[in-house]
């Protein structure tokens, strides 16, 4: 049923969605675990910092966030490191990504890098961004 539902969503429509992930049910053991994750205040501070970086990055242009980047800005601000380039080549070939999906991955990776406080888009940022493109994978 899931496969049939997903097949009704066209590829070009999915390409326009930046992030699509599956959220599995959480096991009781994980819910009852007393360990605390990152707090909301800390997350909020990281998000505000990333937004400030984006405001500075795009100051004087019509772009306000990474999601709005044009191809020119993508080329300027999303250039991955060499390991990231190899990962992108591998994933693009294996998954048969469209040009639009490729650009979306770069924009999300730029945001992941901003949240991590990194000026460079690195392999780990791309890896995380690729994980957010679950419906691009051919095997589902």
Protein backbone atom coordinates (compact mmCIF):
# COMPACT_ATOMS: atom_id res chain seq x y z
CA UNK A 1 0.00 0.00 0.00
CA UNK A 2 2.84 2.37 0.83
CA UNK A 3 4.53 1.69 -2.51
CA UNK A 4 1.26 2.27 -4.38
CA UNK A 5 0.68 5.57 -2.54
CA UNK A 6 4.22 6.78 -3.20
CA UNK A 7 3.96 5.86 -6.86
CA UNK A 8 1.08 8.34 -7.21
CA UNK A 9 3.40 11.20 -6.32
CA UNK A 10 5.22 12.28 -9.45
CA UNK A 11 8.99 12.60 -9.53
CA UNK A 12 8.91 16.28 -10.55
CA UNK A 13 6.63 17.04 -7.58
CA UNK A 14 8.94 15.18 -5.16
CA UNK A 15 11.92 17.09 -6.59
CA UNK A 16 10.33 20.30 -5.32
CA UNK A 17 10.23 19.08 -1.71
CA UNK A 18 13.51 19.77 0.10
CA UNK A 19 13.21 17.19 2.87
CA UNK A 20 11.29 13.94 2.94
CA UNK A 21 12.05 11.40 5.63
CA UNK A 22 10.39 8.41 7.19
CA UNK A 23 9.79 8.67 10.91
CA UNK A 24 9.59 5.23 12.48
CA UNK A 25 7.66 4.51 15.67
CA UNK A 26 9.70 5.05 18.82
CA UNK A 27 10.21 2.01 21.04
CA UNK A 28 9.14 2.21 24.67
CA UNK A 29 12.71 1.56 25.81
CA UNK A 30 13.86 4.68 23.98
CA UNK A 31 10.99 6.78 25.33
CA UNK A 32 11.63 5.65 28.90
CA UNK A 33 15.39 6.26 28.66
CA UNK A 34 16.35 8.96 31.15
CA UNK A 35 19.09 10.50 29.01
CA UNK A 36 18.41 13.97 27.73
CA UNK A 37 19.11 15.12 24.20
CA UNK A 38 19.96 18.60 23.06
CA UNK A 39 17.69 21.11 24.75
CA UNK A 40 15.24 23.37 22.93
CA UNK A 41 17.09 26.51 24.01
CA UNK A 42 20.37 25.20 22.59
CA UNK A 43 18.67 24.22 19.33
CA UNK A 44 16.99 27.62 19.12
CA UNK A 45 20.34 29.35 19.53
CA UNK A 46 21.91 27.26 16.75
CA UNK A 47 18.98 28.01 14.42
CA UNK A 48 19.14 31.75 15.13
CA UNK A 49 22.89 31.71 14.54
CA UNK A 50 22.43 29.88 11.22
CA UNK A 51 19.75 32.37 10.19
CA UNK A 52 22.07 35.27 11.00
CA UNK A 53 24.80 33.70 8.86
CA UNK A 54 22.33 33.40 5.98
CA UNK A 55 21.16 37.01 6.38
CA UNK A 56 24.78 38.18 6.20
CA UNK A 57 25.55 35.86 3.28
CA UNK A 58 22.71 37.16 1.15
CA UNK A 59 22.71 40.80 2.28
CA UNK A 60 21.98 43.08 -0.66
CA UNK A 61 20.27 40.37 -2.73
CA UNK A 62 16.69 39.20 -3.06
CA UNK A 63 17.64 35.86 -1.48
CA UNK A 64 16.90 35.52 2.24
CA UNK A 65 17.69 31.87 2.97
CA UNK A 66 19.55 28.89 1.57
CA UNK A 67 16.32 27.44 0.21
CA UNK A 68 15.96 30.43 -2.13
CA UNK A 69 19.46 30.21 -3.62
CA UNK A 70 19.79 30.55 -7.36
CA UNK A 71 22.24 28.37 -9.33
CA UNK A 72 24.83 31.16 -9.12
CA UNK A 73 24.59 31.24 -5.30
CA UNK A 74 24.61 27.43 -5.11
CA UNK A 75 27.88 27.37 -7.06
CA UNK A 76 29.36 30.09 -4.85
CA UNK A 77 28.26 28.89 -1.39
CA UNK A 78 27.66 25.15 -1.66
CA UNK A 79 30.90 23.89 -3.16
CA UNK A 80 31.67 20.68 -1.24
CA UNK A 81 35.06 19.44 -0.15
CA UNK A 82 36.71 16.71 -2.26
CA UNK A 83 35.23 13.85 -0.18
CA UNK A 84 31.82 15.49 -0.52
CA UNK A 85 32.23 15.69 -4.30
CA UNK A 86 33.03 11.98 -4.44
CA UNK A 87 29.98 11.19 -2.29
CA UNK A 88 27.73 13.34 -4.50
CA UNK A 89 29.04 11.65 -7.65
CA UNK A 90 28.41 8.20 -6.19
CA UNK A 91 24.93 9.03 -4.91
CA UNK A 92 23.89 10.84 -8.08
CA UNK A 93 24.93 7.88 -10.23
CA UNK A 94 23.42 5.23 -7.95
CA UNK A 95 20.11 6.98 -7.28
CA UNK A 96 19.77 8.61 -10.68
CA UNK A 97 19.06 11.98 -9.08
CA UNK A 98 17.57 14.75 -11.18
CA UNK A 99 19.33 18.10 -11.45
CA UNK A 100 16.66 19.57 -9.18
CA UNK A 101 17.23 16.89 -6.50
CA UNK A 102 20.97 17.46 -6.74
CA UNK A 103 20.48 21.21 -6.15
CA UNK A 104 18.11 20.57 -3.23
CA UNK A 105 20.69 18.31 -1.59
CA UNK A 106 23.33 21.03 -1.91
CA UNK A 107 21.02 23.66 -0.39
CA UNK A 108 20.09 21.43 2.54
CA UNK A 109 23.76 20.50 3.04
CA UNK A 110 24.58 24.22 3.18
CA UNK A 111 21.96 24.62 5.91
CA UNK A 112 23.32 21.62 7.82
CA UNK A 113 26.79 23.18 7.60
CA UNK A 114 25.41 26.51 8.84
CA UNK A 115 23.79 24.77 11.82
CA UNK A 116 27.11 23.10 12.58
CA UNK A 117 28.92 26.46 12.36
CA UNK A 118 30.95 25.38 9.34
CA UNK A 119 31.92 27.69 6.49
CA UNK A 120 32.69 24.73 4.20
CA UNK A 121 30.12 22.17 3.06
CA UNK A 122 31.79 18.88 3.98
CA UNK A 123 31.08 15.23 3.33
CA UNK A 124 29.23 14.79 6.64
CA UNK A 125 26.89 17.68 5.81
CA UNK A 126 26.13 16.17 2.41
CA UNK A 127 25.63 12.76 3.94
CA UNK A 128 23.02 14.15 6.31
CA UNK A 129 21.29 16.08 3.52
CA UNK A 130 21.16 12.95 1.37
CA UNK A 131 19.49 11.08 4.22
CA UNK A 132 16.72 13.68 4.12
CA UNK A 133 15.90 12.65 0.54
CA UNK A 134 14.46 9.23 1.42
CA UNK A 135 11.94 9.20 -1.42
CA UNK A 136 14.66 9.71 -4.05
CA UNK A 137 15.98 6.25 -3.31
CA UNK A 138 15.05 3.70 -5.97
CA UNK A 139 14.69 0.90 -3.45
CA UNK A 140 11.47 1.35 -1.49
